[in-house]
């Protein structure tokens, strides 16, 4: 799949540098390889690096985030198949739903499960869910990362409670992140 070769000026230099980091590239590449189907929803898209990379490769990507200011960033990429979708996304028939580096930013367990259910409801019947989370024990809590896992059991249990069946679970990006690939439970 194509690599992201565009970066709008609206993206701060510190975030552009993050994208060039080998650890970040490893995580993004693992996600790119796991995406299936032409329709993708990126929940919690942030600066839109993954969404724009997938759109540049020809996929139809809807990006959303609770931070409405990020809408301008998504639109600044100028890709016709990368669209901003208002929060919260309603329904959908997405082949792949991304929930990358979001879980650790939500302190309340019931809110996390509700977000996961929202993602599951946006998937097509045969859809795939990609979820990334910090590797337990590799990160220190800070103002942004309020819910760091002490074990993989915490997030795997929440995925199950939200109706997901885990297909794979492995470290990516120099082992600092875990990528979970799941599907909606039958």
C-alpha atoms as a PDB file:
ATOM      1  CA  UNK A   1       0.000   0.000   0.000  1.00  0.00           C
ATOM      2  CA  UNK A   2       1.170   3.555  -0.709  1.00  0.00           C
ATOM      3  CA  UNK A   3       2.972   5.551   1.952  1.00  0.00           C
ATOM      4  CA  UNK A   4       1.718   8.977   2.990  1.00  0.00           C
ATOM      5  CA  UNK A   5       3.596  11.498   0.868  1.00  0.00           C
ATOM      6  CA  UNK A   6       1.565  14.588   1.722  1.00  0.00           C
ATOM      7  CA  UNK A   7       1.425  16.512   4.963  1.00  0.00           C
ATOM      8  CA  UNK A   8      -0.685  19.664   5.207  1.00  0.00           C
ATOM      9  CA  UNK A   9       0.984  22.703   6.742  1.00  0.00           C
ATOM     10  CA  UNK A  10      -1.819  22.786   9.312  1.00  0.00           C
ATOM     11  CA  UNK A  11      -0.242  19.740  11.044  1.00  0.00           C
ATOM     12  CA  UNK A  12       2.221  21.003  13.705  1.00  0.00           C
ATOM     13  CA  UNK A  13       5.904  20.180  13.144  1.00  0.00           C
ATOM     14  CA  UNK A  14       6.052  18.086  16.340  1.00  0.00           C
ATOM     15  CA  UNK A  15       3.280  15.858  14.995  1.00  0.00           C
ATOM     16  CA  UNK A  16       4.948  15.626  11.591  1.00  0.00           C
ATOM     17  CA  UNK A  17       8.125  14.459  13.364  1.00  0.00           C
ATOM     18  CA  UNK A  18       6.076  11.808  15.198  1.00  0.00           C
ATOM     19  CA  UNK A  19       5.040  10.349  11.856  1.00  0.00           C
ATOM     20  CA  UNK A  20       8.667  10.024  10.742  1.00  0.00           C
ATOM     21  CA  UNK A  21       9.637   8.136  13.908  1.00  0.00           C
ATOM     22  CA  UNK A  22      10.455   4.460  13.170  1.00  0.00           C
ATOM     23  CA  UNK A  23       8.236   3.271  16.037  1.00  0.00           C
ATOM     24  CA  UNK A  24       5.259   5.210  14.633  1.00  0.00           C
ATOM     25  CA  UNK A  25       5.906   4.041  11.089  1.00  0.00           C
ATOM     26  CA  UNK A  26       5.997   0.427  12.319  1.00  0.00           C
ATOM     27  CA  UNK A  27       2.579   0.822  13.956  1.00  0.00           C
ATOM     28  CA  UNK A  28       1.077   2.535  10.920  1.00  0.00           C
ATOM     29  CA  UNK A  29       2.485  -0.113   8.567  1.00  0.00           C
ATOM     30  CA  UNK A  30       0.997  -2.907  10.705  1.00  0.00           C
ATOM     31  CA  UNK A  31      -2.403  -1.223  10.534  1.00  0.00           C
ATOM     32  CA  UNK A  32      -2.156  -0.697   6.773  1.00  0.00           C
ATOM     33  CA  UNK A  33      -1.414  -4.386   6.259  1.00  0.00           C
ATOM     34  CA  UNK A  34      -4.411  -5.410   8.395  1.00  0.00           C
ATOM     35  CA  UNK A  35      -7.047  -3.210   6.703  1.00  0.00           C
ATOM     36  CA  UNK A  36      -9.616  -5.089   4.586  1.00  0.00           C
ATOM     37  CA  UNK A  37     -12.185  -3.774   2.127  1.00  0.00           C
ATOM     38  CA  UNK A  38     -12.648  -0.406   0.455  1.00  0.00           C
ATOM     39  CA  UNK A  39     -14.659   1.376   3.210  1.00  0.00           C
ATOM     40  CA  UNK A  40     -12.869   2.455   6.389  1.00  0.00           C
ATOM     41  CA  UNK A  41     -13.991   4.414   9.460  1.00  0.00           C
ATOM     42  CA  UNK A  42     -11.236   5.940  11.631  1.00  0.00           C
ATOM     43  CA  UNK A  43     -12.733   6.608  15.097  1.00  0.00           C
ATOM     44  CA  UNK A  44     -10.560   9.006  17.094  1.00  0.00           C
ATOM     45  CA  UNK A  45      -8.594   9.939  13.961  1.00  0.00           C
ATOM     46  CA  UNK A  46      -6.481  12.650  15.588  1.00  0.00           C
ATOM     47  CA  UNK A  47      -4.201  14.308  13.030  1.00  0.00           C
ATOM     48  CA  UNK A  48      -5.412  11.865  10.381  1.00  0.00           C
ATOM     49  CA  UNK A  49      -2.091  10.219   9.480  1.00  0.00           C
ATOM     50  CA  UNK A  50      -3.528   6.720   9.113  1.00  0.00           C
ATOM     51  CA  UNK A  51      -6.766   7.945   7.514  1.00  0.00           C
ATOM     52  CA  UNK A  52      -4.857  10.009   4.925  1.00  0.00           C
ATOM     53  CA  UNK A  53      -2.439   7.157   4.202  1.00  0.00           C
ATOM     54  CA  UNK A  54      -5.327   4.792   3.489  1.00  0.00           C
ATOM     55  CA  UNK A  55      -7.163   7.409   1.400  1.00  0.00           C
ATOM     56  CA  UNK A  56      -3.989   8.104  -0.623  1.00  0.00           C
ATOM     57  CA  UNK A  57      -3.940   4.368  -1.409  1.00  0.00           C
ATOM     58  CA  UNK A  58      -7.451   4.602  -2.869  1.00  0.00           C
ATOM     59  CA  UNK A  59      -9.668   3.499   0.017  1.00  0.00           C
ATOM     60  CA  UNK A  60     -12.807   5.451   0.961  1.00  0.00           C
ATOM     61  CA  UNK A  61     -12.094   6.728   4.483  1.00  0.00           C
ATOM     62  CA  UNK A  62     -14.424   8.519   6.882  1.00  0.00           C
ATOM     63  CA  UNK A  63     -12.567  10.126   9.782  1.00  0.00           C
ATOM     64  CA  UNK A  64     -14.112  11.290  13.044  1.00  0.00           C
ATOM     65  CA  UNK A  65     -12.963  12.563  16.419  1.00  0.00           C
ATOM     66  CA  UNK A  66     -14.591  14.185  19.434  1.00  0.00           C
ATOM     67  CA  UNK A  67     -12.322  17.194  18.785  1.00  0.00           C
ATOM     68  CA  UNK A  68     -14.199  19.080  16.048  1.00  0.00           C
ATOM     69  CA  UNK A  69     -11.137  21.292  15.409  1.00  0.00           C
ATOM     70  CA  UNK A  70      -9.468  18.294  13.734  1.00  0.00           C
ATOM     71  CA  UNK A  71     -12.026  18.547  10.925  1.00  0.00           C
ATOM     72  CA  UNK A  72      -9.900  21.269   9.316  1.00  0.00           C
ATOM     73  CA  UNK A  73      -6.846  19.022   9.450  1.00  0.00           C
ATOM     74  CA  UNK A  74      -8.660  16.171   7.715  1.00  0.00           C
ATOM     75  CA  UNK A  75      -9.973  18.504   5.000  1.00  0.00           C
ATOM     76  CA  UNK A  76      -6.496  20.062   4.547  1.00  0.00           C
ATOM     77  CA  UNK A  77      -5.162  16.768   3.182  1.00  0.00           C
ATOM     78  CA  UNK A  78      -7.229  17.528   0.080  1.00  0.00           C
ATOM     79  CA  UNK A  79      -8.000  13.909  -0.738  1.00  0.00           C
ATOM     80  CA  UNK A  80     -11.393  13.394  -2.402  1.00  0.00           C
ATOM     81  CA  UNK A  81     -11.950  10.005  -0.757  1.00  0.00           C
ATOM     82  CA  UNK A  82     -11.068  11.237   2.772  1.00  0.00           C
ATOM     83  CA  UNK A  83     -14.137  12.693   4.450  1.00  0.00           C
ATOM     84  CA  UNK A  84     -14.830  14.158   7.886  1.00  0.00           C
ATOM     85  CA  UNK A  85     -17.762  12.448   9.620  1.00  0.00           C
ATOM     86  CA  UNK A  86     -19.402  14.299  12.542  1.00  0.00           C
ATOM     87  CA  UNK A  87     -19.149  12.744  16.005  1.00  0.00           C
ATOM     88  CA  UNK A  88     -20.584  10.311  16.858  1.00  0.00           C
ATOM     89  CA  UNK A  89     -20.720   8.265  13.675  1.00  0.00           C
ATOM     90  CA  UNK A  90     -24.136   6.681  13.233  1.00  0.00           C
ATOM     91  CA  UNK A  91     -24.478   3.202  11.782  1.00  0.00           C
ATOM     92  CA  UNK A  92     -22.487   2.342   8.737  1.00  0.00           C
ATOM     93  CA  UNK A  93     -21.428  -0.617   6.766  1.00  0.00           C
ATOM     94  CA  UNK A  94     -17.659  -0.274   7.051  1.00  0.00           C
ATOM     95  CA  UNK A  95     -15.289  -3.041   5.996  1.00  0.00           C
ATOM     96  CA  UNK A  96     -12.721  -1.887   8.567  1.00  0.00           C
ATOM     97  CA  UNK A  97     -13.196   0.256  11.672  1.00  0.00           C
ATOM     98  CA  UNK A  98     -10.083   1.719  13.307  1.00  0.00           C
ATOM     99  CA  UNK A  99      -9.867   2.548  17.027  1.00  0.00           C
ATOM    100  CA  UNK A 100      -6.173   3.369  17.302  1.00  0.00           C
ATOM    101  CA  UNK A 101      -4.558   4.915  20.360  1.00  0.00           C
ATOM    102  CA  UNK A 102      -7.927   5.948  21.806  1.00  0.00           C
ATOM    103  CA  UNK A 103      -8.655   3.460  24.626  1.00  0.00           C
ATOM    104  CA  UNK A 104      -5.903   4.797  26.890  1.00  0.00           C
ATOM    105  CA  UNK A 105      -7.335   8.338  26.702  1.00  0.00           C
ATOM    106  CA  UNK A 106     -10.736   7.380  28.178  1.00  0.00           C
ATOM    107  CA  UNK A 107     -10.762   6.967  31.960  1.00  0.00           C
ATOM    108  CA  UNK A 108     -14.253   5.517  32.450  1.00  0.00           C
ATOM    109  CA  UNK A 109     -14.698   1.804  31.689  1.00  0.00           C
ATOM    110  CA  UNK A 110     -18.400   2.103  30.785  1.00  0.00           C
ATOM    111  CA  UNK A 111     -17.600   4.945  28.377  1.00  0.00           C
ATOM    112  CA  UNK A 112     -14.847   2.828  26.763  1.00  0.00           C
ATOM    113  CA  UNK A 113     -17.256  -0.090  26.305  1.00  0.00           C
ATOM    114  CA  UNK A 114     -19.884   2.265  24.814  1.00  0.00           C
ATOM    115  CA  UNK A 115     -17.277   3.550  22.334  1.00  0.00           C
ATOM    116  CA  UNK A 116     -16.336  -0.004  21.415  1.00  0.00           C
ATOM    117  CA  UNK A 117     -20.016  -0.869  20.857  1.00  0.00           C
ATOM    118  CA  UNK A 118     -20.364   2.204  18.638  1.00  0.00           C
ATOM    119  CA  UNK A 119     -17.449   0.869  16.565  1.00  0.00           C
ATOM    120  CA  UNK A 120     -18.952  -2.611  16.352  1.00  0.00           C
ATOM    121  CA  UNK A 121     -22.281  -1.176  15.181  1.00  0.00           C
ATOM    122  CA  UNK A 122     -20.507   0.719  12.386  1.00  0.00           C
ATOM    123  CA  UNK A 123     -19.021  -2.481  10.905  1.00  0.00           C
ATOM    124  CA  UNK A 124     -20.386  -4.533   8.057  1.00  0.00           C
ATOM    125  CA  UNK A 125     -21.354  -8.143   8.849  1.00  0.00           C
ATOM    126  CA  UNK A 126     -17.917  -9.374   7.738  1.00  0.00           C
ATOM    127  CA  UNK A 127     -16.154  -6.227   8.993  1.00  0.00           C
ATOM    128  CA  UNK A 128     -12.814  -6.089  10.739  1.00  0.00           C
ATOM    129  CA  UNK A 129     -11.981  -4.015  13.835  1.00  0.00           C
ATOM    130  CA  UNK A 130      -8.430  -2.751  14.417  1.00  0.00           C
ATOM    131  CA  UNK A 131      -7.651  -1.636  17.958  1.00  0.00           C
ATOM    132  CA  UNK A 132      -4.303  -0.447  19.291  1.00  0.00           C
ATOM    133  CA  UNK A 133      -3.306   0.109  22.883  1.00  0.00           C
ATOM    134  CA  UNK A 134      -0.021   0.715  24.750  1.00  0.00           C
ATOM    135  CA  UNK A 135       1.807  -2.473  25.693  1.00  0.00           C
ATOM    136  CA  UNK A 136       1.271  -3.122  29.422  1.00  0.00           C
ATOM    137  CA  UNK A 137       4.275  -2.004  31.477  1.00  0.00           C
ATOM    138  CA  UNK A 138       5.940  -0.009  28.663  1.00  0.00           C
ATOM    139  CA  UNK A 139       4.300   3.376  29.327  1.00  0.00           C
ATOM    140  CA  UNK A 140       4.012   5.768  32.263  1.00  0.00           C
ATOM    141  CA  UNK A 141       0.680   7.504  32.958  1.00  0.00           C
ATOM    142  CA  UNK A 142       0.502  11.200  32.086  1.00  0.00           C
ATOM    143  CA  UNK A 143      -2.168  13.853  31.514  1.00  0.00           C
ATOM    144  CA  UNK A 144      -3.181  12.337  28.151  1.00  0.00           C
ATOM    145  CA  UNK A 145      -2.815   8.640  28.886  1.00  0.00           C
ATOM    146  CA  UNK A 146      -5.196   8.267  31.797  1.00  0.00           C
ATOM    147  CA  UNK A 147      -5.985   4.580  31.403  1.00  0.00           C
ATOM    148  CA  UNK A 148      -2.842   2.572  30.836  1.00  0.00           C
ATOM    149  CA  UNK A 149      -3.349  -1.186  30.908  1.00  0.00           C
ATOM    150  CA  UNK A 150      -1.573  -3.165  33.593  1.00  0.00           C
ATOM    151  CA  UNK A 151      -2.308  -6.330  31.633  1.00  0.00           C
ATOM    152  CA  UNK A 152      -3.826  -7.228  28.295  1.00  0.00           C
ATOM    153  CA  UNK A 153      -6.741  -8.817  30.162  1.00  0.00           C
ATOM    154  CA  UNK A 154      -8.225  -5.352  30.859  1.00  0.00           C
ATOM    155  CA  UNK A 155      -8.760  -4.365  27.249  1.00  0.00           C
ATOM    156  CA  UNK A 156      -9.458  -7.883  25.999  1.00  0.00           C
ATOM    157  CA  UNK A 157     -12.281  -8.206  28.551  1.00  0.00           C
ATOM    158  CA  UNK A 158     -13.743  -4.864  27.436  1.00  0.00           C
ATOM    159  CA  UNK A 159     -13.585  -5.926  23.783  1.00  0.00           C
ATOM    160  CA  UNK A 160     -15.526  -9.077  24.733  1.00  0.00           C
ATOM    161  CA  UNK A 161     -18.076  -7.053  26.710  1.00  0.00           C
ATOM    162  CA  UNK A 162     -18.633  -4.873  23.629  1.00  0.00           C
ATOM    163  CA  UNK A 163     -19.350  -7.935  21.467  1.00  0.00           C
ATOM    164  CA  UNK A 164     -16.003  -8.477  19.749  1.00  0.00           C
ATOM    165  CA  UNK A 165     -14.224 -11.741  19.083  1.00  0.00           C
ATOM    166  CA  UNK A 166     -10.418 -11.340  18.989  1.00  0.00           C
ATOM    167  CA  UNK A 167      -8.744 -12.846  15.924  1.00  0.00           C
ATOM    168  CA  UNK A 168      -5.156 -11.775  16.713  1.00  0.00           C
ATOM    169  CA  UNK A 169      -3.258  -9.791  19.313  1.00  0.00           C
ATOM    170  CA  UNK A 170       0.404  -8.866  18.833  1.00  0.00           C
ATOM    171  CA  UNK A 171       2.973  -6.189  19.660  1.00  0.00           C
ATOM    172  CA  UNK A 172       3.833  -3.666  16.920  1.00  0.00           C
ATOM    173  CA  UNK A 173       6.077  -0.625  16.558  1.00  0.00           C
ATOM    174  CA  UNK A 174       9.109  -1.839  18.496  1.00  0.00           C
ATOM    175  CA  UNK A 175       6.819  -3.538  20.996  1.00  0.00           C
ATOM    176  CA  UNK A 176       5.453  -0.349  22.534  1.00  0.00           C
ATOM    177  CA  UNK A 177       1.934  -0.947  21.188  1.00  0.00           C
ATOM    178  CA  UNK A 178      -0.329  -3.944  20.800  1.00  0.00           C
ATOM    179  CA  UNK A 179      -2.507  -4.302  17.726  1.00  0.00           C
ATOM    180  CA  UNK A 180      -5.695  -6.303  18.168  1.00  0.00           C
ATOM    181  CA  UNK A 181      -7.652  -7.514  15.152  1.00  0.00           C
ATOM    182  CA  UNK A 182     -11.230  -8.476  15.977  1.00  0.00           C
ATOM    183  CA  UNK A 183     -14.599  -9.108  14.411  1.00  0.00           C
ATOM    184  CA  UNK A 184     -18.111  -8.698  15.709  1.00  0.00           C
ATOM    185  CA  UNK A 185     -19.144 -11.758  17.687  1.00  0.00           C
ATOM    186  CA  UNK A 186     -21.811 -13.875  15.942  1.00  0.00           C
END
